[in-house]
Full PDB file with SEQRES, HELIX, SHEET, SSBOND, CRYST1, ORIGX, SCALE, CONECT and MASTER records, all heavy atoms in Angstrom:
SEQRES   1 A   33  LEU ILE LEU GLN LYS SER GLU ILE PHE ASP GLY ALA ILE          
SEQRES   2 A   33  ILE THR ASP GLY GLY TYR ALA SER GLU ASP ASN VAL LYS          
SEQRES   3 A   33  SER PHE THR SER LYS LYS ASP                                  
HELIX    1 AA1 GLU A   22  LYS A   26  1                                   5    
CRYST1    1.000    1.000    1.000  90.00  90.00  90.00 P 1           1          
ORIGX1      1.000000  0.000000  0.000000        0.00000                         
ORIGX2      0.000000  1.000000  0.000000        0.00000                         
ORIGX3      0.000000  0.000000  1.000000        0.00000                         
SCALE1      1.000000  0.000000  0.000000        0.00000                         
SCALE2      0.000000  1.000000  0.000000        0.00000                         
SCALE3      0.000000  0.000000  1.000000        0.00000                         
ATOM      1  N   LEU A   1       7.975   6.573  -3.999  1.00  0.00           N  
ATOM      2  CA  LEU A   1       9.395   7.004  -3.913  1.00  0.00           C  
ATOM      3  C   LEU A   1       9.563   8.429  -3.804  1.00  0.00           C  
ATOM      4  O   LEU A   1      10.362   8.905  -2.924  1.00  0.00           O  
ATOM      5  CB  LEU A   1       9.994   6.436  -5.163  1.00  0.00           C  
ATOM      6  CG  LEU A   1      11.600   6.676  -5.148  1.00  0.00           C  
ATOM      7  CD1 LEU A   1      12.332   5.827  -4.161  1.00  0.00           C  
ATOM      8  CD2 LEU A   1      12.219   6.382  -6.536  1.00  0.00           C  
ATOM      9  N   ILE A   2       8.858   9.261  -4.520  1.00  0.00           N  
ATOM     10  CA  ILE A   2       9.215  10.657  -4.515  1.00  0.00           C  
ATOM     11  C   ILE A   2       8.628  11.228  -3.203  1.00  0.00           C  
ATOM     12  O   ILE A   2       9.177  12.235  -2.773  1.00  0.00           O  
ATOM     13  CB  ILE A   2       8.414  11.344  -5.734  1.00  0.00           C  
ATOM     14  CG1 ILE A   2       9.056  12.762  -5.999  1.00  0.00           C  
ATOM     15  CG2 ILE A   2       6.964  11.418  -5.516  1.00  0.00           C  
ATOM     16  CD1 ILE A   2      10.482  12.683  -6.381  1.00  0.00           C  
ATOM     17  N   LEU A   3       7.761  10.686  -2.502  1.00  0.00           N  
ATOM     18  CA  LEU A   3       7.224  11.102  -1.211  1.00  0.00           C  
ATOM     19  C   LEU A   3       8.080  10.604  -0.073  1.00  0.00           C  
ATOM     20  O   LEU A   3       8.365  11.316   0.945  1.00  0.00           O  
ATOM     21  CB  LEU A   3       5.803  10.588  -1.020  1.00  0.00           C  
ATOM     22  CG  LEU A   3       4.671  11.078  -1.927  1.00  0.00           C  
ATOM     23  CD1 LEU A   3       3.504  10.506  -1.706  1.00  0.00           C  
ATOM     24  CD2 LEU A   3       4.609  12.682  -1.774  1.00  0.00           C  
ATOM     25  N   GLN A   4       8.643   9.416  -0.233  1.00  0.00           N  
ATOM     26  CA  GLN A   4       9.402   8.781   0.856  1.00  0.00           C  
ATOM     27  C   GLN A   4      10.971   9.060   0.742  1.00  0.00           C  
ATOM     28  O   GLN A   4      11.671   9.030   1.774  1.00  0.00           O  
ATOM     29  CB  GLN A   4       9.159   7.263   0.939  1.00  0.00           C  
ATOM     30  CG  GLN A   4       7.715   6.926   1.153  1.00  0.00           C  
ATOM     31  CD  GLN A   4       7.508   5.497   1.101  1.00  0.00           C  
ATOM     32  OE1 GLN A   4       8.285   4.670   0.559  1.00  0.00           O  
ATOM     33  NE2 GLN A   4       6.292   5.060   1.411  1.00  0.00           N  
ATOM     34  N   LYS A   5      11.307   9.348  -0.469  1.00  0.00           N  
ATOM     35  CA  LYS A   5      12.864   9.452  -0.692  1.00  0.00           C  
ATOM     36  C   LYS A   5      13.089  10.816  -1.390  1.00  0.00           C  
ATOM     37  O   LYS A   5      13.786  10.881  -2.390  1.00  0.00           O  
ATOM     38  CB  LYS A   5      13.449   8.375  -1.440  1.00  0.00           C  
ATOM     39  CG  LYS A   5      13.248   6.950  -0.834  1.00  0.00           C  
ATOM     40  CD  LYS A   5      14.095   6.763   0.345  1.00  0.00           C  
ATOM     41  CE  LYS A   5      14.054   5.263   0.852  1.00  0.00           C  
ATOM     42  NZ  LYS A   5      14.933   5.054   1.949  1.00  0.00           N  
ATOM     43  N   SER A   6      12.548  11.907  -0.875  1.00  0.00           N  
ATOM     44  CA  SER A   6      12.549  13.225  -1.569  1.00  0.00           C  
ATOM     45  C   SER A   6      13.999  13.706  -1.719  1.00  0.00           C  
ATOM     46  O   SER A   6      14.310  14.590  -2.561  1.00  0.00           O  
ATOM     47  CB  SER A   6      11.758  14.224  -0.940  1.00  0.00           C  
ATOM     48  OG  SER A   6      12.186  14.479   0.458  1.00  0.00           O  
ATOM     49  N   GLU A   7      14.829  13.199  -0.905  1.00  0.00           N  
ATOM     50  CA  GLU A   7      16.312  13.629  -0.991  1.00  0.00           C  
ATOM     51  C   GLU A   7      17.050  13.091  -2.153  1.00  0.00           C  
ATOM     52  O   GLU A   7      18.052  13.694  -2.557  1.00  0.00           O  
ATOM     53  CB  GLU A   7      17.124  13.292   0.311  1.00  0.00           C  
ATOM     54  CG  GLU A   7      17.422  11.841   0.462  1.00  0.00           C  
ATOM     55  CD  GLU A   7      16.203  10.900   0.894  1.00  0.00           C  
ATOM     56  OE1 GLU A   7      15.142  11.498   1.161  1.00  0.00           O  
ATOM     57  OE2 GLU A   7      16.515   9.700   1.115  1.00  0.00           O  
ATOM     58  N   ILE A   8      16.430  12.060  -2.750  1.00  0.00           N  
ATOM     59  CA  ILE A   8      17.136  11.419  -3.945  1.00  0.00           C  
ATOM     60  C   ILE A   8      16.860  12.196  -5.214  1.00  0.00           C  
ATOM     61  O   ILE A   8      17.772  12.412  -5.988  1.00  0.00           O  
ATOM     62  CB  ILE A   8      16.748   9.940  -4.010  1.00  0.00           C  
ATOM     63  CG1 ILE A   8      17.074   9.285  -2.783  1.00  0.00           C  
ATOM     64  CG2 ILE A   8      17.391   9.314  -5.251  1.00  0.00           C  
ATOM     65  CD1 ILE A   8      16.502   7.794  -2.687  1.00  0.00           C  
ATOM     66  N   PHE A   9      15.657  12.511  -5.385  1.00  0.00           N  
ATOM     67  CA  PHE A   9      15.242  13.060  -6.750  1.00  0.00           C  
ATOM     68  C   PHE A   9      14.608  14.475  -6.514  1.00  0.00           C  
ATOM     69  O   PHE A   9      13.799  14.709  -5.501  1.00  0.00           O  
ATOM     70  CB  PHE A   9      14.221  12.278  -7.481  1.00  0.00           C  
ATOM     71  CG  PHE A   9      14.781  10.980  -7.873  1.00  0.00           C  
ATOM     72  CD1 PHE A   9      14.681   9.803  -7.233  1.00  0.00           C  
ATOM     73  CD2 PHE A   9      15.673  11.050  -9.204  1.00  0.00           C  
ATOM     74  CE1 PHE A   9      15.306   8.527  -7.731  1.00  0.00           C  
ATOM     75  CE2 PHE A   9      16.152   9.726  -9.533  1.00  0.00           C  
ATOM     76  CZ  PHE A   9      15.996   8.569  -8.817  1.00  0.00           C  
ATOM     77  N   ASP A  10      14.730  15.328  -7.438  1.00  0.00           N  
ATOM     78  CA  ASP A  10      14.182  16.719  -7.423  1.00  0.00           C  
ATOM     79  C   ASP A  10      12.828  16.707  -8.100  1.00  0.00           C  
ATOM     80  O   ASP A  10      12.066  17.664  -7.899  1.00  0.00           O  
ATOM     81  CB  ASP A  10      15.077  17.732  -8.099  1.00  0.00           C  
ATOM     82  CG  ASP A  10      16.438  17.886  -7.387  1.00  0.00           C  
ATOM     83  OD1 ASP A  10      16.569  18.493  -6.479  1.00  0.00           O  
ATOM     84  OD2 ASP A  10      17.401  17.055  -7.786  1.00  0.00           O  
ATOM     85  N   GLY A  11      12.424  15.773  -8.914  1.00  0.00           N  
ATOM     86  CA  GLY A  11      11.283  15.736  -9.579  1.00  0.00           C  
ATOM     87  C   GLY A  11      10.981  14.296 -10.122  1.00  0.00           C  
ATOM     88  O   GLY A  11      11.899  13.531 -10.302  1.00  0.00           O  
ATOM     89  N   ALA A  12       9.629  14.003 -10.221  1.00  0.00           N  
ATOM     90  CA  ALA A  12       9.197  12.697 -10.782  1.00  0.00           C  
ATOM     91  C   ALA A  12       8.132  13.040 -11.856  1.00  0.00           C  
ATOM     92  O   ALA A  12       7.225  13.918 -11.596  1.00  0.00           O  
ATOM     93  CB  ALA A  12       8.758  11.753  -9.697  1.00  0.00           C  
ATOM     94  N   ILE A  13       8.161  12.274 -12.905  1.00  0.00           N  
ATOM     95  CA  ILE A  13       7.171  12.313 -13.943  1.00  0.00           C  
ATOM     96  C   ILE A  13       6.539  10.990 -14.088  1.00  0.00           C  
ATOM     97  O   ILE A  13       7.157   9.947 -14.334  1.00  0.00           O  
ATOM     98  CB  ILE A  13       7.798  12.663 -15.331  1.00  0.00           C  
ATOM     99  CG1 ILE A  13       8.501  14.006 -15.244  1.00  0.00           C  
ATOM    100  CG2 ILE A  13       6.730  12.762 -16.514  1.00  0.00           C  
ATOM    101  CD1 ILE A  13       9.467  14.322 -16.446  1.00  0.00           C  
ATOM    102  N   ILE A  14       5.213  10.925 -13.786  1.00  0.00           N  
ATOM    103  CA  ILE A  14       4.504   9.662 -13.729  1.00  0.00           C  
ATOM    104  C   ILE A  14       3.270   9.754 -14.802  1.00  0.00           C  
ATOM    105  O   ILE A  14       2.621  10.776 -14.898  1.00  0.00           O  
ATOM    106  CB  ILE A  14       4.042   9.263 -12.370  1.00  0.00           C  
ATOM    107  CG1 ILE A  14       3.035  10.186 -11.814  1.00  0.00           C  
ATOM    108  CG2 ILE A  14       5.204   9.154 -11.378  1.00  0.00           C  
ATOM    109  CD1 ILE A  14       2.402   9.750 -10.490  1.00  0.00           C  
ATOM    110  N   THR A  15       3.067   8.649 -15.326  1.00  0.00           N  
ATOM    111  CA  THR A  15       2.035   8.583 -16.400  1.00  0.00           C  
ATOM    112  C   THR A  15       1.250   7.236 -16.505  1.00  0.00           C  
ATOM    113  O   THR A  15       1.989   6.237 -16.202  1.00  0.00           O  
ATOM    114  CB  THR A  15       2.549   9.048 -17.808  1.00  0.00           C  
ATOM    115  OG1 THR A  15       1.541   9.080 -18.718  1.00  0.00           O  
ATOM    116  CG2 THR A  15       3.645   8.118 -18.203  1.00  0.00           C  
ATOM    117  N   ASP A  16       0.084   7.325 -16.767  1.00  0.00           N  
ATOM    118  CA  ASP A  16      -0.801   6.007 -16.871  1.00  0.00           C  
ATOM    119  C   ASP A  16      -0.620   5.114 -15.719  1.00  0.00           C  
ATOM    120  O   ASP A  16      -0.521   3.930 -15.764  1.00  0.00           O  
ATOM    121  CB  ASP A  16      -0.297   5.246 -18.178  1.00  0.00           C  
ATOM    122  CG  ASP A  16      -0.501   5.978 -19.414  1.00  0.00           C  
ATOM    123  OD1 ASP A  16      -1.618   5.979 -19.914  1.00  0.00           O  
ATOM    124  OD2 ASP A  16       0.466   6.711 -19.934  1.00  0.00           O  
ATOM    125  N   GLY A  17      -0.822   5.854 -14.594  1.00  0.00           N  
ATOM    126  CA  GLY A  17      -0.884   5.150 -13.326  1.00  0.00           C  
ATOM    127  C   GLY A  17      -0.394   5.994 -12.232  1.00  0.00           C  
ATOM    128  O   GLY A  17       0.024   7.139 -12.496  1.00  0.00           O  
ATOM    129  N   GLY A  18      -0.318   5.376 -10.994  1.00  0.00           N  
ATOM    130  CA  GLY A  18       0.243   6.208  -9.907  1.00  0.00           C  
ATOM    131  C   GLY A  18      -0.783   6.348  -8.773  1.00  0.00           C  
ATOM    132  O   GLY A  18      -2.007   6.647  -8.999  1.00  0.00           O  
ATOM    133  N   TYR A  19      -0.337   6.154  -7.558  1.00  0.00           N  
ATOM    134  CA  TYR A  19      -1.196   6.376  -6.482  1.00  0.00           C  
ATOM    135  C   TYR A  19      -0.349   6.323  -5.188  1.00  0.00           C  
ATOM    136  O   TYR A  19       0.650   5.448  -5.101  1.00  0.00           O  
ATOM    137  CB  TYR A  19      -2.309   5.349  -6.316  1.00  0.00           C  
ATOM    138  CG  TYR A  19      -3.151   5.524  -4.990  1.00  0.00           C  
ATOM    139  CD1 TYR A  19      -4.062   6.545  -5.038  1.00  0.00           C  
ATOM    140  CD2 TYR A  19      -2.930   4.761  -3.924  1.00  0.00           C  
ATOM    141  CE1 TYR A  19      -4.925   6.756  -3.862  1.00  0.00           C  
ATOM    142  CE2 TYR A  19      -3.693   5.076  -2.810  1.00  0.00           C  
ATOM    143  CZ  TYR A  19      -4.648   5.937  -2.699  1.00  0.00           C  
ATOM    144  OH  TYR A  19      -5.407   6.151  -1.609  1.00  0.00           O  
ATOM    145  N   ALA A  20      -0.634   7.135  -4.231  1.00  0.00           N  
ATOM    146  CA  ALA A  20      -0.006   7.065  -2.885  1.00  0.00           C  
ATOM    147  C   ALA A  20      -0.926   7.270  -1.830  1.00  0.00           C  
ATOM    148  O   ALA A  20      -1.962   8.077  -2.094  1.00  0.00           O  
ATOM    149  CB  ALA A  20       1.159   8.115  -2.717  1.00  0.00           C  
ATOM    150  N   SER A  21      -0.893   6.495  -0.741  1.00  0.00           N  
ATOM    151  CA  SER A  21      -1.913   6.574   0.221  1.00  0.00           C  
ATOM    152  C   SER A  21      -1.911   7.883   0.966  1.00  0.00           C  
ATOM    153  O   SER A  21      -0.973   8.752   0.853  1.00  0.00           O  
ATOM    154  CB  SER A  21      -1.577   5.574   1.316  1.00  0.00           C  
ATOM    155  OG  SER A  21      -0.371   5.788   2.027  1.00  0.00           O  
ATOM    156  N   GLU A  22      -2.992   8.088   1.648  1.00  0.00           N  
ATOM    157  CA  GLU A  22      -3.169   9.404   2.458  1.00  0.00           C  
ATOM    158  C   GLU A  22      -2.039   9.591   3.465  1.00  0.00           C  
ATOM    159  O   GLU A  22      -1.579  10.631   3.654  1.00  0.00           O  
ATOM    160  CB  GLU A  22      -4.521   9.496   3.093  1.00  0.00           C  
ATOM    161  CG  GLU A  22      -4.846  10.746   3.701  1.00  0.00           C  
ATOM    162  CD  GLU A  22      -6.284  10.860   4.080  1.00  0.00           C  
ATOM    163  OE1 GLU A  22      -6.948   9.752   4.218  1.00  0.00           O  
ATOM    164  OE2 GLU A  22      -6.835  11.965   4.346  1.00  0.00           O  
ATOM    165  N   ASP A  23      -1.727   8.394   4.136  1.00  0.00           N  
ATOM    166  CA  ASP A  23      -0.671   8.434   5.044  1.00  0.00           C  
ATOM    167  C   ASP A  23       0.703   8.875   4.517  1.00  0.00           C  
ATOM    168  O   ASP A  23       1.466   9.629   5.122  1.00  0.00           O  
ATOM    169  CB  ASP A  23      -0.558   7.080   5.847  1.00  0.00           C  
ATOM    170  CG  ASP A  23      -1.721   6.780   6.661  1.00  0.00           C  
ATOM    171  OD1 ASP A  23      -2.465   7.735   7.093  1.00  0.00           O  
ATOM    172  OD2 ASP A  23      -1.955   5.653   7.021  1.00  0.00           O  
ATOM    173  N   ASN A  24       1.032   8.375   3.431  1.00  0.00           N  
ATOM    174  CA  ASN A  24       2.348   8.674   2.687  1.00  0.00           C  
ATOM    175  C   ASN A  24       2.326  10.098   2.338  1.00  0.00           C  
ATOM    176  O   ASN A  24       3.352  10.799   2.389  1.00  0.00           O  
ATOM    177  CB  ASN A  24       2.532   7.829   1.524  1.00  0.00           C  
ATOM    178  CG  ASN A  24       3.005   6.434   1.934  1.00  0.00           C  
ATOM    179  OD1 ASN A  24       3.424   6.173   3.028  1.00  0.00           O  
ATOM    180  ND2 ASN A  24       3.068   5.507   0.848  1.00  0.00           N  
ATOM    181  N   VAL A  25       1.240  10.631   1.793  1.00  0.00           N  
ATOM    182  CA  VAL A  25       1.107  12.024   1.479  1.00  0.00           C  
ATOM    183  C   VAL A  25       1.266  12.983   2.679  1.00  0.00           C  
ATOM    184  O   VAL A  25       2.001  13.923   2.672  1.00  0.00           O  
ATOM    185  CB  VAL A  25      -0.202  12.423   0.641  1.00  0.00           C  
ATOM    186  CG1 VAL A  25      -0.358  13.903   0.459  1.00  0.00           C  
ATOM    187  CG2 VAL A  25      -0.222  11.676  -0.637  1.00  0.00           C  
ATOM    188  N   LYS A  26       0.582  12.609   3.777  1.00  0.00           N  
ATOM    189  CA  LYS A  26       0.632  13.440   4.944  1.00  0.00           C  
ATOM    190  C   LYS A  26       2.059  13.359   5.599  1.00  0.00           C  
ATOM    191  O   LYS A  26       2.317  14.303   6.311  1.00  0.00           O  
ATOM    192  CB  LYS A  26      -0.455  12.930   5.924  1.00  0.00           C  
ATOM    193  CG  LYS A  26      -1.821  13.223   5.502  1.00  0.00           C  
ATOM    194  CD  LYS A  26      -2.902  12.449   6.286  1.00  0.00           C  
ATOM    195  CE  LYS A  26      -2.862  12.899   7.741  1.00  0.00           C  
ATOM    196  NZ  LYS A  26      -3.977  12.230   8.602  1.00  0.00           N  
ATOM    197  N   SER A  27       2.727  12.327   5.460  1.00  0.00           N  
ATOM    198  CA  SER A  27       4.068  12.159   6.099  1.00  0.00           C  
ATOM    199  C   SER A  27       5.252  12.785   5.223  1.00  0.00           C  
ATOM    200  O   SER A  27       6.281  12.766   5.663  1.00  0.00           O  
ATOM    201  CB  SER A  27       4.325  10.700   6.364  1.00  0.00           C  
ATOM    202  OG  SER A  27       4.437   9.924   5.260  1.00  0.00           O  
ATOM    203  N   PHE A  28       4.871  13.308   4.095  1.00  0.00           N  
ATOM    204  CA  PHE A  28       5.922  13.881   3.164  1.00  0.00           C  
ATOM    205  C   PHE A  28       6.514  15.067   3.877  1.00  0.00           C  
ATOM    206  O   PHE A  28       5.826  15.978   4.289  1.00  0.00           O  
ATOM    207  CB  PHE A  28       5.294  14.276   1.922  1.00  0.00           C  
ATOM    208  CG  PHE A  28       6.165  15.043   0.998  1.00  0.00           C  
ATOM    209  CD1 PHE A  28       7.165  14.450   0.127  1.00  0.00           C  
ATOM    210  CD2 PHE A  28       6.179  16.446   0.955  1.00  0.00           C  
ATOM    211  CE1 PHE A  28       8.170  15.196  -0.612  1.00  0.00           C  
ATOM    212  CE2 PHE A  28       7.081  17.148   0.176  1.00  0.00           C  
ATOM    213  CZ  PHE A  28       7.939  16.504  -0.624  1.00  0.00           C  
ATOM    214  N   THR A  29       7.853  15.050   3.890  1.00  0.00           N  
ATOM    215  CA  THR A  29       8.613  16.248   4.454  1.00  0.00           C  
ATOM    216  C   THR A  29       9.932  16.453   3.420  1.00  0.00           C  
ATOM    217  O   THR A  29      10.476  15.454   2.898  1.00  0.00           O  
ATOM    218  CB  THR A  29       9.085  16.037   5.786  1.00  0.00           C  
ATOM    219  OG1 THR A  29      10.003  14.842   5.915  1.00  0.00           O  
ATOM    220  CG2 THR A  29       8.003  15.911   6.709  1.00  0.00           C  
ATOM    221  N   SER A  30      10.205  17.700   3.147  1.00  0.00           N  
ATOM    222  CA  SER A  30      11.346  17.987   2.400  1.00  0.00           C  
ATOM    223  C   SER A  30      11.770  19.438   2.651  1.00  0.00           C  
ATOM    224  O   SER A  30      10.888  20.211   2.840  1.00  0.00           O  
ATOM    225  CB  SER A  30      10.940  17.845   0.898  1.00  0.00           C  
ATOM    226  OG  SER A  30      12.060  18.236   0.130  1.00  0.00           O  
ATOM    227  N   LYS A  31      13.072  19.570   2.705  1.00  0.00           N  
ATOM    228  CA  LYS A  31      13.609  20.944   2.916  1.00  0.00           C  
ATOM    229  C   LYS A  31      13.751  21.734   1.543  1.00  0.00           C  
ATOM    230  O   LYS A  31      14.010  22.980   1.544  1.00  0.00           O  
ATOM    231  CB  LYS A  31      15.046  20.816   3.618  1.00  0.00           C  
ATOM    232  CG  LYS A  31      14.951  20.258   4.994  1.00  0.00           C  
ATOM    233  CD  LYS A  31      16.349  20.203   5.569  1.00  0.00           C  
ATOM    234  CE  LYS A  31      16.362  19.571   6.989  1.00  0.00           C  
ATOM    235  NZ  LYS A  31      17.732  19.452   7.668  1.00  0.00           N  
ATOM    236  N   LYS A  32      13.501  21.034   0.494  1.00  0.00           N  
ATOM    237  CA  LYS A  32      13.683  21.652  -0.751  1.00  0.00           C  
ATOM    238  C   LYS A  32      12.309  21.395  -1.497  1.00  0.00           C  
ATOM    239  O   LYS A  32      11.511  20.530  -1.121  1.00  0.00           O  
ATOM    240  CB  LYS A  32      14.808  20.957  -1.609  1.00  0.00           C  
ATOM    241  CG  LYS A  32      14.512  19.568  -1.957  1.00  0.00           C  
ATOM    242  CD  LYS A  32      15.639  18.891  -2.729  1.00  0.00           C  
ATOM    243  CE  LYS A  32      15.367  17.396  -3.025  1.00  0.00           C  
ATOM    244  NZ  LYS A  32      16.377  16.797  -3.846  1.00  0.00           N  
ATOM    245  N   ASP A  33      12.233  22.230  -2.601  1.00  0.00           N  
ATOM    246  CA  ASP A  33      11.102  21.938  -3.524  1.00  0.00           C  
ATOM    247  C   ASP A  33      11.176  20.649  -4.302  1.00  0.00           C  
ATOM    248  O   ASP A  33      12.237  20.429  -4.908  1.00  0.00           O  
ATOM    249  CB  ASP A  33      10.742  23.170  -4.437  1.00  0.00           C  
ATOM    250  CG  ASP A  33      10.311  24.368  -3.808  1.00  0.00           C  
ATOM    251  OD1 ASP A  33       9.711  24.269  -2.732  1.00  0.00           O  
ATOM    252  OD2 ASP A  33      10.480  25.570  -4.346  1.00  0.00           O  
TER     253      ASP A  33                                                      
MASTER        0    0    0    1    0    0    0    6  252    1    0    3          
END                                                                             
């Protein structure tokens, strides 16, 4: 979600799990931090 919908949230805290594919990471774009 934080990679695909960066306009919705400014930050995410994830714990005891989590993974995003290489394609999703490479396709991440955002005009803000």
